[in-house]
N, C-alpha and C. Protein backbone atom coordinates (compact mmCIF):
# COMPACT_ATOMS: atom_id res chain seq x y z
N UNK A 1 0.96 -1.46 -0.22
CA UNK A 1 -0.24 -0.33 -0.51
C UNK A 1 0.56 0.98 -0.18
N UNK A 2 0.47 2.26 -1.18
CA UNK A 2 0.98 3.34 -0.68
C UNK A 2 0.57 4.25 -0.15
N UNK A 3 1.47 5.44 0.66
CA UNK A 3 1.28 6.05 1.61
C UNK A 3 1.60 7.24 0.71
N UNK A 4 1.09 7.97 1.25
CA UNK A 4 1.46 9.66 0.62
C UNK A 4 0.47 10.57 1.45
N UNK A 5 1.89 12.22 1.59
CA UNK A 5 0.87 13.08 2.85
C UNK A 5 0.91 13.77 2.04
N UNK A 6 0.11 14.92 2.30
CA UNK A 6 -1.09 16.04 1.79
C UNK A 6 0.47 16.88 2.11
N UNK A 7 0.72 18.13 1.44
CA UNK A 7 1.14 19.28 2.26
C UNK A 7 1.39 20.12 1.04
N UNK A 8 1.41 21.59 1.69
CA UNK A 8 1.22 23.17 1.12
C UNK A 8 2.39 23.40 0.60
N UNK A 9 2.45 24.48 -0.50
CA UNK A 9 3.87 25.36 -0.90
C UNK A 9 4.03 26.49 -1.62
N UNK A 10 4.65 27.03 -0.74
CA UNK A 10 4.22 28.43 -1.90
C UNK A 10 5.33 27.63 -3.17
N UNK A 11 4.98 28.46 -3.95
CA UNK A 11 5.17 28.39 -5.13
C UNK A 11 5.33 29.86 -6.11
N UNK A 12 6.70 30.22 -7.04
CA UNK A 12 6.35 31.82 -7.71
C UNK A 12 5.03 31.51 -8.68
N UNK A 13 4.19 32.16 -8.54
CA UNK A 13 3.11 32.52 -9.65
C UNK A 13 3.76 31.54 -11.03
N UNK A 14 5.06 32.53 -11.12
CA UNK A 14 5.43 31.69 -12.40
C UNK A 14 5.38 30.47 -12.98
N UNK A 15 6.19 30.05 -11.95
CA UNK A 15 6.53 28.78 -11.58
C UNK A 15 5.25 27.47 -12.01
N UNK A 16 5.15 27.85 -10.70
CA UNK A 16 3.23 27.14 -10.81
C UNK A 16 2.98 27.28 -12.39
N UNK A 17 2.16 28.52 -12.90
CA UNK A 17 2.35 28.14 -14.20
C UNK A 17 3.01 27.40 -15.46
N UNK A 18 4.52 27.38 -15.18
CA UNK A 18 4.86 27.05 -16.76
C UNK A 18 4.46 25.26 -15.64
N UNK A 19 4.45 24.98 -14.90
CA UNK A 19 4.51 23.20 -13.89
C UNK A 19 2.72 22.85 -15.01
N UNK A 20 2.26 24.24 -14.60
CA UNK A 20 0.14 23.74 -15.04
C UNK A 20 1.05 23.09 -16.38
N UNK A 21 1.22 24.51 -17.75
CA UNK A 21 1.64 24.21 -18.35
C UNK A 21 2.47 22.97 -19.05
N UNK A 22 4.11 22.66 -18.70
CA UNK A 22 4.03 21.66 -19.04
C UNK A 22 2.87 20.60 -19.10
N UNK A 23 2.79 20.45 -17.29
CA UNK A 23 1.02 18.88 -17.21
C UNK A 23 -0.02 18.77 -18.11
N UNK A 24 0.20 20.05 -18.41
CA UNK A 24 -1.15 20.09 -19.12
C UNK A 24 -0.54 19.26 -20.56
N UNK A 25 0.49 20.06 -21.78
CA UNK A 25 1.16 19.42 -22.59
C UNK A 25 1.80 17.83 -22.56
N UNK A 26 1.95 17.19 -21.70
CA UNK A 26 2.27 15.81 -21.15
C UNK A 26 1.50 15.15 -21.20
N UNK A 27 -0.28 16.00 -19.96
CA UNK A 27 -1.27 14.90 -20.22
C UNK A 27 -0.54 13.92 -18.77
N UNK A 28 -0.01 14.93 -17.98
CA UNK A 28 0.28 14.62 -16.29
C UNK A 28 -0.26 15.59 -15.26
N UNK A 29 -0.37 15.39 -14.04
CA UNK A 29 -0.49 15.88 -13.12
C UNK A 29 0.21 16.82 -12.92
N UNK A 30 0.42 17.80 -11.79
CA UNK A 30 1.70 19.05 -11.62
C UNK A 30 2.10 18.07 -10.04
N UNK A 31 1.55 17.40 -9.36
CA UNK A 31 2.54 17.15 -8.21
C UNK A 31 3.05 15.98 -8.87
N UNK A 32 3.11 14.86 -10.33
CA UNK A 32 4.09 14.23 -10.39
C UNK A 32 4.84 14.82 -11.63
N UNK A 33 4.80 15.48 -11.44
CA UNK A 33 6.36 16.95 -12.33
C UNK A 33 7.30 17.20 -10.52
N UNK A 34 6.45 17.02 -9.74
CA UNK A 34 7.00 17.92 -8.40
C UNK A 34 7.49 16.63 -8.02
N UNK A 35 7.47 15.72 -8.12
CA UNK A 35 7.70 14.49 -7.02
C UNK A 35 8.87 14.27 -7.77
N UNK A 36 8.01 14.12 -9.26
CA UNK A 36 9.89 13.72 -10.26
C UNK A 36 10.61 14.55 -10.15
N UNK A 37 10.53 15.73 -9.72
CA UNK A 37 12.07 17.49 -9.61
C UNK A 37 12.44 16.51 -8.95
N UNK A 38 11.44 16.45 -7.52
CA UNK A 38 12.14 15.89 -6.10
C UNK A 38 13.13 15.21 -6.87
N UNK A 39 12.59 13.81 -7.13
CA UNK A 39 13.04 12.57 -6.99
C UNK A 39 14.55 12.81 -7.65
N UNK A 40 14.43 13.82 -9.14
CA UNK A 40 15.99 13.46 -9.97
C UNK A 40 16.41 14.40 -8.76
N UNK A 41 15.91 15.32 -8.21
CA UNK A 41 17.21 16.59 -7.18
C UNK A 41 18.24 15.83 -5.83
N UNK A 42 17.20 14.60 -5.34
CA UNK A 42 17.27 13.79 -4.50
C UNK A 42 18.20 13.06 -4.45
N UNK A 43 17.93 12.58 -5.93
CA UNK A 43 19.13 10.83 -6.33
C UNK A 43 20.30 11.66 -7.25
N UNK A 44 21.04 13.20 -7.50
CA UNK A 44 21.94 13.80 -8.39
C UNK A 44 22.88 13.02 -7.68
N UNK A 45 23.89 12.87 -8.54
CA UNK A 45 24.87 12.35 -7.64
C UNK A 45 26.36 13.04 -7.49
N UNK A 46 25.73 14.47 -8.35
CA UNK A 46 27.38 15.44 -7.77
C UNK A 46 26.71 16.43 -6.62
N UNK A 47 27.63 17.03 -6.58
CA UNK A 47 26.79 18.25 -4.51
C UNK A 47 26.36 19.61 -5.49
N UNK A 48 25.30 19.24 -5.12
CA UNK A 48 24.87 21.28 -5.11
C UNK A 48 25.50 22.35 -5.61
N UNK A 49 25.25 22.94 -5.69
CA UNK A 49 25.95 23.86 -6.64
C UNK A 49 25.96 25.00 -5.05
N UNK A 50 27.03 25.39 -4.55
CA UNK A 50 27.45 26.85 -3.76
C UNK A 50 25.97 27.69 -3.55
N UNK A 51 25.50 27.90 -2.10
CA UNK A 51 24.38 29.10 -2.10
C UNK A 51 25.23 30.14 -2.06
N UNK A 52 25.44 31.44 -3.25
CA UNK A 52 25.79 32.77 -2.29
C UNK A 52 24.40 33.50 -0.65
N UNK A 53 24.95 34.17 -0.54
CA UNK A 53 24.83 34.81 0.62
C UNK A 53 24.04 36.37 0.33
N UNK A 54 22.70 36.42 -0.03
CA UNK A 54 22.40 37.95 0.03
C UNK A 54 22.47 38.71 1.30
N UNK A 55 22.73 39.83 0.49
CA UNK A 55 23.07 40.87 2.04
C UNK A 55 21.02 41.47 2.62
N UNK A 56 21.46 41.69 3.88
CA UNK A 56 20.17 41.85 4.43
C UNK A 56 19.63 42.74 4.59
N UNK A 57 20.27 44.36 4.11
CA UNK A 57 20.45 44.82 4.45
C UNK A 57 19.83 45.62 2.63
N UNK A 58 19.70 47.26 2.14
CA UNK A 58 19.69 47.73 0.65
C UNK A 58 20.61 48.35 0.01
N UNK A 59 21.08 49.26 -0.44
CA UNK A 59 21.65 49.80 -1.15
C UNK A 59 22.13 51.49 -0.43
N UNK A 60 23.46 51.98 -0.20
CA UNK A 60 23.44 53.16 0.26
C UNK A 60 22.59 54.23 0.50
N UNK A 61 21.42 54.04 -0.23
CA UNK A 61 20.46 55.11 -1.03
C UNK A 61 19.08 55.07 0.43
N UNK A 62 19.22 53.64 0.50
CA UNK A 62 18.29 53.04 1.59
C UNK A 62 17.56 51.95 0.23
N UNK A 63 17.31 51.91 -0.96
CA UNK A 63 16.72 51.50 -1.79
C UNK A 63 16.57 50.13 -1.47
N UNK A 64 15.61 48.86 -1.50
CA UNK A 64 16.27 47.54 -0.68
C UNK A 64 16.64 46.89 -2.14
N UNK A 65 16.58 45.96 -2.45
CA UNK A 65 17.59 44.95 -3.24
C UNK A 65 16.80 44.44 -3.78
N UNK A 66 15.84 43.39 -2.76
CA UNK A 66 14.52 42.92 -2.72
C UNK A 66 13.76 42.70 -1.37
N UNK A 67 13.08 42.38 -2.45
CA UNK A 67 11.62 42.57 -0.96
C UNK A 67 11.69 41.26 -1.10
N UNK A 68 11.87 40.98 0.07
CA UNK A 68 11.60 39.19 0.60
C UNK A 68 10.32 39.12 0.74
N UNK A 69 9.65 39.07 0.80
CA UNK A 69 8.05 38.79 0.97
C UNK A 69 7.37 38.46 -0.83
N UNK A 70 7.79 38.96 -1.40
CA UNK A 70 8.04 38.35 -2.90
C UNK A 70 8.25 37.26 -3.31
N UNK A 71 7.91 36.31 -3.46
CA UNK A 71 8.76 34.83 -3.73
C UNK A 71 8.75 35.23 -5.47
N UNK A 72 8.37 35.87 -6.10
CA UNK A 72 8.60 35.76 -7.72
C UNK A 72 10.14 36.59 -7.83
N UNK A 73 10.00 37.99 -6.72
CA UNK A 73 11.36 38.65 -6.99
C UNK A 73 12.54 37.54 -6.53
N UNK A 74 12.16 36.40 -5.19
CA UNK A 74 13.29 36.22 -4.99
C UNK A 74 13.82 34.77 -5.84
N UNK A 75 12.67 34.29 -6.62
CA UNK A 75 12.69 33.46 -7.53
C UNK A 75 14.03 33.72 -8.63
N UNK A 76 13.63 35.55 -8.93
CA UNK A 76 14.28 35.82 -10.24
C UNK A 76 15.40 36.02 -9.82
N UNK A 77 15.58 36.32 -8.50
CA UNK A 77 17.74 36.98 -7.54
C UNK A 77 18.15 35.43 -7.42
N UNK A 78 17.40 34.48 -7.78
CA UNK A 78 18.00 33.00 -7.30
C UNK A 78 18.29 32.24 -9.14
N UNK A 79 17.63 32.74 -10.15
CA UNK A 79 18.29 32.69 -11.85
C UNK A 79 19.23 33.58 -12.10
N UNK A 80 19.37 34.87 -11.13
CA UNK A 80 20.46 35.74 -11.57
C UNK A 80 21.62 34.99 -10.61
N UNK A 81 21.53 34.12 -9.80
CA UNK A 81 22.63 34.06 -8.84
C UNK A 81 23.50 32.86 -10.09
N UNK A 82 22.24 31.92 -9.94
CA UNK A 82 22.75 30.55 -10.08
C UNK A 82 22.22 29.98 -11.49
N UNK A 83 21.34 31.15 -11.79
CA UNK A 83 21.81 30.83 -13.79
C UNK A 83 20.39 29.40 -14.14
N UNK A 84 19.76 29.16 -13.37
CA UNK A 84 18.56 28.73 -13.21
C UNK A 84 17.35 28.43 -11.78
N UNK A 85 16.74 28.70 -12.58
CA UNK A 85 15.00 28.67 -12.02
C UNK A 85 14.77 27.17 -10.54
C-alpha cells in the first residue's frame, strides 16, 4: 500500500504556471512533475551548487535590493545568481 502525505507549498506564480502548462502538454499532473523533480534532485550524484548569501540591508541610498515577501522577486534573484530556475 502506498501512503502519501498531503502538503502545501509556496511557489512563485510564474513557476506554477509553467508547471501547469507542462503537465497539461504531457498529460500529467502537477503533483507528478513535482514528485519527479524532487526525486531527480535528491538522486543527483554531484554536490549542489554553493549558495551565495544576499545582504540583508539595501543600497546606501536606502533602496532595498529585493522584497523578501515577494516570492517571484526572490525566484528571479535565485535565477540571476545561480543561472537556473
